[in-house]
C-alpha atoms as a PDB file:
ATOM      1  CA  ALA A   1     184.137 149.046 203.703  1.00  0.00           C
ATOM      2  CA  MET A   2     180.728 147.913 205.540  1.00  0.00           C
ATOM      3  CA  GLU A   3     182.580 145.569 207.730  1.00  0.00           C
ATOM      4  CA  SER A   4     183.893 148.093 210.068  1.00  0.00           C
ATOM      5  CA  GLY A   5     180.412 149.805 210.870  1.00  0.00           C
ATOM      6  CA  ALA A   6     178.816 149.034 214.406  1.00  0.00           C
ATOM      7  CA  ILE A   7     175.459 147.119 214.117  1.00  0.00           C
ATOM      8  CA  ASN A   8     172.650 149.001 215.243  1.00  0.00           C
ATOM      9  CA  GLU A   9     169.119 150.503 214.088  1.00  0.00           C
ATOM     10  CA  GLU A  10     170.836 153.344 212.890  1.00  0.00           C
ATOM     11  CA  THR A  11     173.351 151.840 210.816  1.00  0.00           C
ATOM     12  CA  LEU A  12     170.835 149.435 209.677  1.00  0.00           C
ATOM     13  CA  ALA A  13     168.328 152.003 208.495  1.00  0.00           C
ATOM     14  CA  ALA A  14     171.088 153.750 206.497  1.00  0.00           C
ATOM     15  CA  LEU A  15     171.670 150.404 204.908  1.00  0.00           C
ATOM     16  CA  SER A  16     167.775 150.110 204.024  1.00  0.00           C
ATOM     17  CA  LYS A  17     168.090 153.474 202.485  1.00  0.00           C
ATOM     18  CA  ASP A  18     171.110 152.656 200.139  1.00  0.00           C
ATOM     19  CA  GLU A  19     169.971 150.953 196.495  1.00  0.00           C
ATOM     20  CA  ALA A  20     173.237 148.967 196.248  1.00  0.00           C
ATOM     21  CA  THR A  21     172.868 147.250 199.607  1.00  0.00           C
ATOM     22  CA  LEU A  22     169.019 146.579 198.832  1.00  0.00           C
ATOM     23  CA  ALA A  23     169.860 145.133 195.702  1.00  0.00           C
ATOM     24  CA  ALA A  24     172.859 142.612 196.846  1.00  0.00           C
ATOM     25  CA  GLY A  25     170.095 141.583 200.015  1.00  0.00           C
ATOM     26  CA  GLU A  26     167.383 141.062 197.655  1.00  0.00           C
ATOM     27  CA  ALA A  27     170.171 138.539 195.399  1.00  0.00           C
ATOM     28  CA  LEU A  28     170.888 137.038 198.419  1.00  0.00           C
ATOM     29  CA  TYR A  29     166.960 136.861 199.708  1.00  0.00           C
ATOM     30  CA  ARG A  30     166.548 135.265 196.134  1.00  0.00           C
ATOM     31  CA  THR A  31     168.797 132.420 196.406  1.00  0.00           C
ATOM     32  CA  ASN A  32     168.263 131.694 200.608  1.00  0.00           C
ATOM     33  CA  CYS A  33     165.251 132.725 201.618  1.00  0.00           C
ATOM     34  CA  VAL A  34     162.824 131.871 198.749  1.00  0.00           C
ATOM     35  CA  ALA A  35     162.039 128.613 199.420  1.00  0.00           C
ATOM     36  CA  CYS A  36     160.703 129.298 202.878  1.00  0.00           C
ATOM     37  CA  HIS A  37     159.712 132.840 202.661  1.00  0.00           C
ATOM     38  CA  GLY A  38     158.387 133.106 199.444  1.00  0.00           C
ATOM     39  CA  ASP A  39     159.034 135.302 196.447  1.00  0.00           C
ATOM     40  CA  LEU A  40     157.263 138.326 197.687  1.00  0.00           C
ATOM     41  CA  GLY A  41     158.107 137.364 201.327  1.00  0.00           C
ATOM     42  CA  GLU A  42     154.209 136.080 201.592  1.00  0.00           C
ATOM     43  CA  GLY A  43     155.359 133.461 203.665  1.00  0.00           C
ATOM     44  CA  LYS A  44     155.384 129.232 202.602  1.00  0.00           C
ATOM     45  CA  ILE A  45     157.157 127.335 205.181  1.00  0.00           C
ATOM     46  CA  GLY A  46     158.493 130.448 206.586  1.00  0.00           C
ATOM     47  CA  PRO A  47     156.559 133.228 208.066  1.00  0.00           C
ATOM     48  CA  ASN A  48     155.591 135.976 206.225  1.00  0.00           C
ATOM     49  CA  LEU A  49     157.753 138.909 206.035  1.00  0.00           C
ATOM     50  CA  THR A  50     155.533 141.469 204.651  1.00  0.00           C
ATOM     51  CA  ASP A  51     152.551 142.508 207.141  1.00  0.00           C
ATOM     52  CA  ASP A  52     153.136 144.027 210.686  1.00  0.00           C
ATOM     53  CA  ALA A  53     153.511 140.499 212.308  1.00  0.00           C
ATOM     54  CA  TRP A  54     156.745 139.982 213.734  1.00  0.00           C
ATOM     55  CA  ILE A  55     157.178 136.931 215.439  1.00  0.00           C
ATOM     56  CA  HIS A  56     160.512 137.607 216.555  1.00  0.00           C
ATOM     57  CA  GLY A  57     160.686 141.408 216.673  1.00  0.00           C
ATOM     58  CA  GLY A  58     160.538 143.570 213.646  1.00  0.00           C
ATOM     59  CA  SER A  59     162.928 146.095 214.821  1.00  0.00           C
ATOM     60  CA  LEU A  60     166.060 146.248 212.561  1.00  0.00           C
ATOM     61  CA  MET A  61     167.841 145.003 215.415  1.00  0.00           C
ATOM     62  CA  ALA A  62     165.879 141.847 216.118  1.00  0.00           C
ATOM     63  CA  ILE A  63     165.728 141.025 212.064  1.00  0.00           C
ATOM     64  CA  HIS A  64     169.406 140.948 212.038  1.00  0.00           C
ATOM     65  CA  GLN A  65     169.540 138.840 215.497  1.00  0.00           C
ATOM     66  CA  THR A  66     166.824 136.113 213.492  1.00  0.00           C
ATOM     67  CA  ILE A  67     168.471 136.169 210.271  1.00  0.00           C
ATOM     68  CA  GLU A  68     172.434 135.679 211.943  1.00  0.00           C
ATOM     69  CA  LYS A  69     171.471 133.485 215.184  1.00  0.00           C
ATOM     70  CA  GLY A  70     168.409 132.084 213.587  1.00  0.00           C
ATOM     71  CA  VAL A  71     165.583 130.303 215.468  1.00  0.00           C
ATOM     72  CA  PRO A  72     166.100 126.441 215.235  1.00  0.00           C
ATOM     73  CA  GLU A  73     162.849 125.403 216.878  1.00  0.00           C
ATOM     74  CA  LYS A  74     161.045 127.100 214.307  1.00  0.00           C
ATOM     75  CA  GLY A  75     163.297 125.533 211.498  1.00  0.00           C
ATOM     76  CA  MET A  76     165.479 129.018 210.906  1.00  0.00           C
ATOM     77  CA  LEU A  77     168.795 128.956 209.835  1.00  0.00           C
ATOM     78  CA  ALA A  78     171.359 130.530 211.693  1.00  0.00           C
ATOM     79  CA  TRP A  79     172.794 132.329 208.364  1.00  0.00           C
ATOM     80  CA  GLY A  80     175.667 134.216 210.432  1.00  0.00           C
ATOM     81  CA  LYS A  81     177.288 130.532 210.422  1.00  0.00           C
ATOM     82  CA  THR A  82     177.123 130.393 206.610  1.00  0.00           C
ATOM     83  CA  LEU A  83     177.238 134.246 205.301  1.00  0.00           C
ATOM     84  CA  PRO A  84     179.493 136.902 205.900  1.00  0.00           C
ATOM     85  CA  PRO A  85     178.744 139.591 208.144  1.00  0.00           C
ATOM     86  CA  ASP A  86     177.815 142.144 205.456  1.00  0.00           C
ATOM     87  CA  ASP A  87     175.613 139.539 203.492  1.00  0.00           C
ATOM     88  CA  VAL A  88     173.293 139.372 206.566  1.00  0.00           C
ATOM     89  CA  LYS A  89     173.503 143.165 207.111  1.00  0.00           C
ATOM     90  CA  ARG A  90     172.295 143.306 203.395  1.00  0.00           C
ATOM     91  CA  LEU A  91     169.753 140.806 203.884  1.00  0.00           C
ATOM     92  CA  THR A  92     168.521 142.657 207.163  1.00  0.00           C
ATOM     93  CA  ALA A  93     168.011 146.065 205.420  1.00  0.00           C
ATOM     94  CA  PHE A  94     166.250 144.295 202.340  1.00  0.00           C
ATOM     95  CA  VAL A  95     163.495 142.408 204.101  1.00  0.00           C
END
């Protein structure tokens, strides 16, 4: 169902209010992101995700782009290569 939705601020904002999406996003975060960003998003190797400083932009579209395309020079993987598009959306909504 999610596959068909366009990716834009509005659709991502709607997902960020959906309990099931957030639960799935959190599970994905725990599996894929904790090693670099910490249990609470506090940052370790990767940046803190809980403050207002967004190196690559804090809009939902910017976050989606960062997760999907990665930031190779910073060691951020391009998760769009290994995760299905719906999972990238779930992670975006959770973060």
